[in-house]
Every structure is written in structure tokens, then in C-alpha cells.
Protein backbone atom coordinates (compact mmCIF):
# COMPACT_ATOMS: atom_id res chain seq x y z
CA MET A 1 0.00 -47.62 -4.06
CA PRO A 2 1.36 -45.64 -7.03
CA PRO A 3 2.47 -42.07 -6.34
CA PHE A 4 0.08 -39.26 -7.20
CA THR A 5 -3.04 -41.30 -6.53
CA VAL A 6 -5.79 -40.47 -4.10
CA PRO A 7 -6.57 -43.24 -1.62
CA HIS A 8 -10.14 -44.54 -1.46
CA VAL A 9 -12.17 -42.94 1.32
CA SER A 10 -15.52 -44.34 2.40
CA PRO A 11 -18.45 -41.92 2.26
CA ALA A 12 -19.20 -39.96 5.42
CA ARG A 13 -22.85 -40.90 5.14
CA ALA A 14 -24.63 -43.37 2.94
CA ALA A 15 -28.19 -42.01 3.14
CA GLY A 16 -29.62 -38.66 2.13
CA GLY A 17 -28.89 -36.39 -0.76
CA VAL A 18 -28.60 -32.74 -1.59
CA GLY A 19 -31.71 -31.76 0.37
CA SER A 20 -30.51 -33.55 3.47
CA THR A 21 -27.09 -31.92 3.16
CA VAL A 22 -28.65 -28.47 2.85
CA ARG A 23 -30.82 -29.06 5.94
CA VAL A 24 -27.87 -30.27 8.01
CA THR A 25 -25.76 -27.34 6.83
CA TRP A 26 -28.49 -24.82 7.60
CA ALA A 27 -28.92 -26.27 11.09
CA ALA A 28 -25.16 -26.02 11.68
CA ILE A 29 -25.14 -22.39 10.53
CA GLN A 30 -28.02 -21.55 12.86
CA THR A 31 -26.38 -23.16 15.89
CA GLU A 32 -22.74 -22.15 15.36
CA ARG A 33 -21.96 -18.47 15.92
CA LEU A 34 -18.55 -18.82 14.26
CA LEU A 35 -20.16 -20.04 11.02
CA ARG A 36 -22.60 -17.11 11.06
CA LEU A 37 -19.62 -14.74 11.34
CA ALA A 38 -17.49 -16.59 8.78
CA ILE A 39 -20.04 -16.39 5.98
CA PRO A 40 -20.18 -12.56 5.76
CA GLY A 41 -16.40 -12.49 6.17
CA GLU A 42 -15.99 -14.84 3.23
CA ILE A 43 -18.39 -12.78 1.12
CA PHE A 44 -16.50 -9.59 2.02
CA PHE A 45 -13.11 -11.18 1.20
CA TRP A 46 -14.18 -12.41 -2.25
CA THR A 47 -15.94 -9.12 -3.05
CA ILE A 48 -12.76 -7.18 -2.32
CA ALA A 49 -10.65 -9.71 -4.27
CA ASP A 50 -12.97 -9.40 -7.27
CA LEU A 51 -12.87 -5.60 -7.16
CA PHE A 52 -9.07 -5.69 -7.01
CA ALA A 53 -8.95 -8.10 -9.94
CA GLN A 54 -11.03 -5.75 -12.09
CA ASN A 55 -8.97 -2.71 -11.14
CA ILE A 56 -5.68 -4.51 -11.67
CA LEU A 57 -6.56 -5.17 -15.30
CA VAL A 58 -7.24 -1.48 -15.92
CA TYR A 59 -4.10 -0.48 -13.99
CA ALA A 60 -1.93 -2.92 -15.96
CA LYS A 61 -3.14 -1.52 -19.27
CA ALA A 62 -3.20 2.21 -18.42
CA VAL A 63 -0.29 2.68 -16.03
CA LEU A 64 2.07 -0.23 -16.60
CA HIS A 65 1.49 -0.13 -20.38
CA LEU A 66 1.38 -3.91 -20.69
CA SER A 67 0.52 -5.34 -24.08
CA ASP A 68 -2.90 -6.82 -24.78
CA ALA A 69 -1.37 -10.29 -24.55
CA MET A 70 0.09 -9.62 -21.09
CA VAL A 71 -2.83 -7.75 -19.48
CA PRO A 72 -5.14 -10.66 -18.61
CA GLY A 73 -2.49 -13.19 -17.60
CA LEU A 74 0.34 -11.61 -15.65
CA PRO A 75 -1.48 -9.34 -13.17
CA LEU A 76 -4.18 -11.88 -12.35
CA THR A 77 -1.56 -14.60 -11.92
CA LEU A 78 0.32 -12.42 -9.45
CA LEU A 79 -2.94 -11.56 -7.65
CA SER A 80 -3.84 -15.26 -7.42
CA ILE A 81 -0.41 -16.12 -6.06
CA GLY A 82 -0.73 -13.31 -3.51
CA ILE A 83 -4.14 -14.55 -2.38
CA GLY A 84 -2.80 -18.11 -2.08
CA VAL A 85 0.26 -17.06 -0.08
CA GLY A 86 -1.92 -14.88 2.14
CA ALA A 87 -4.33 -17.76 2.78
CA ILE A 88 -1.47 -20.09 3.72
CA LEU A 89 0.04 -17.44 5.99
CA VAL A 90 -3.26 -16.77 7.74
CA GLY A 91 -3.82 -20.52 8.16
CA ARG A 92 -0.45 -20.92 9.84
CA LEU A 93 -0.84 -17.81 11.99
CA SER A 94 -4.27 -18.90 13.20
CA GLN A 95 -3.23 -22.38 14.33
CA LYS A 96 -3.61 -23.09 18.00
CA PRO A 97 -0.31 -23.63 19.80
CA ASP A 98 0.23 -27.20 20.97
């Protein structure tokens, strides 16, 4: 198999469609307490991240005096890298010990 290719994976289920997937997902959310808690947590996380992203653009322009060419790219790139590193760190910290 050539490098950088994705191996073929058989579908998890052959029947059903979007409606069936939504019903199964809704049933899982109703029965799993952890999913019911994770959804508001995810919404909260992305709301805060979006608010930071908006404020970072204003901060970069007003306080850091970045040029118009630098304002959209540099701060949001650093924010994205920070979110990615934080997600990896949390994933590793939350692993169950063997």
C-alpha cells in the first residue's frame, strides 16, 4: 500500500440513512448521561473559543499594532495552535491508566 493513503474500511451499517442515524443518535443521547453532559460542555467550549477569537483580532490591531495584513492570520493561527495543543493535552491527561 502506498504511503499517505487511507485503507478501505467497510461501512459500519449498510441500511438506513440520515433519519436512521439521527434516531439512533438521539436514543444514545437520551440513555447516556455522559453524552448529555458533554453536549453543553462542547457548546460552552466553542462559545468561549469564538469570543476569544473575536477579541484577539481587536487586541492585535489596537494593542499590538499589527498591520492589516497580519491581524487576521497571526493571532488566529496562534489561537488555533493553542486550542489544538490543549485538546491533545487534555486527551492524554484523561486517558485511563492501564
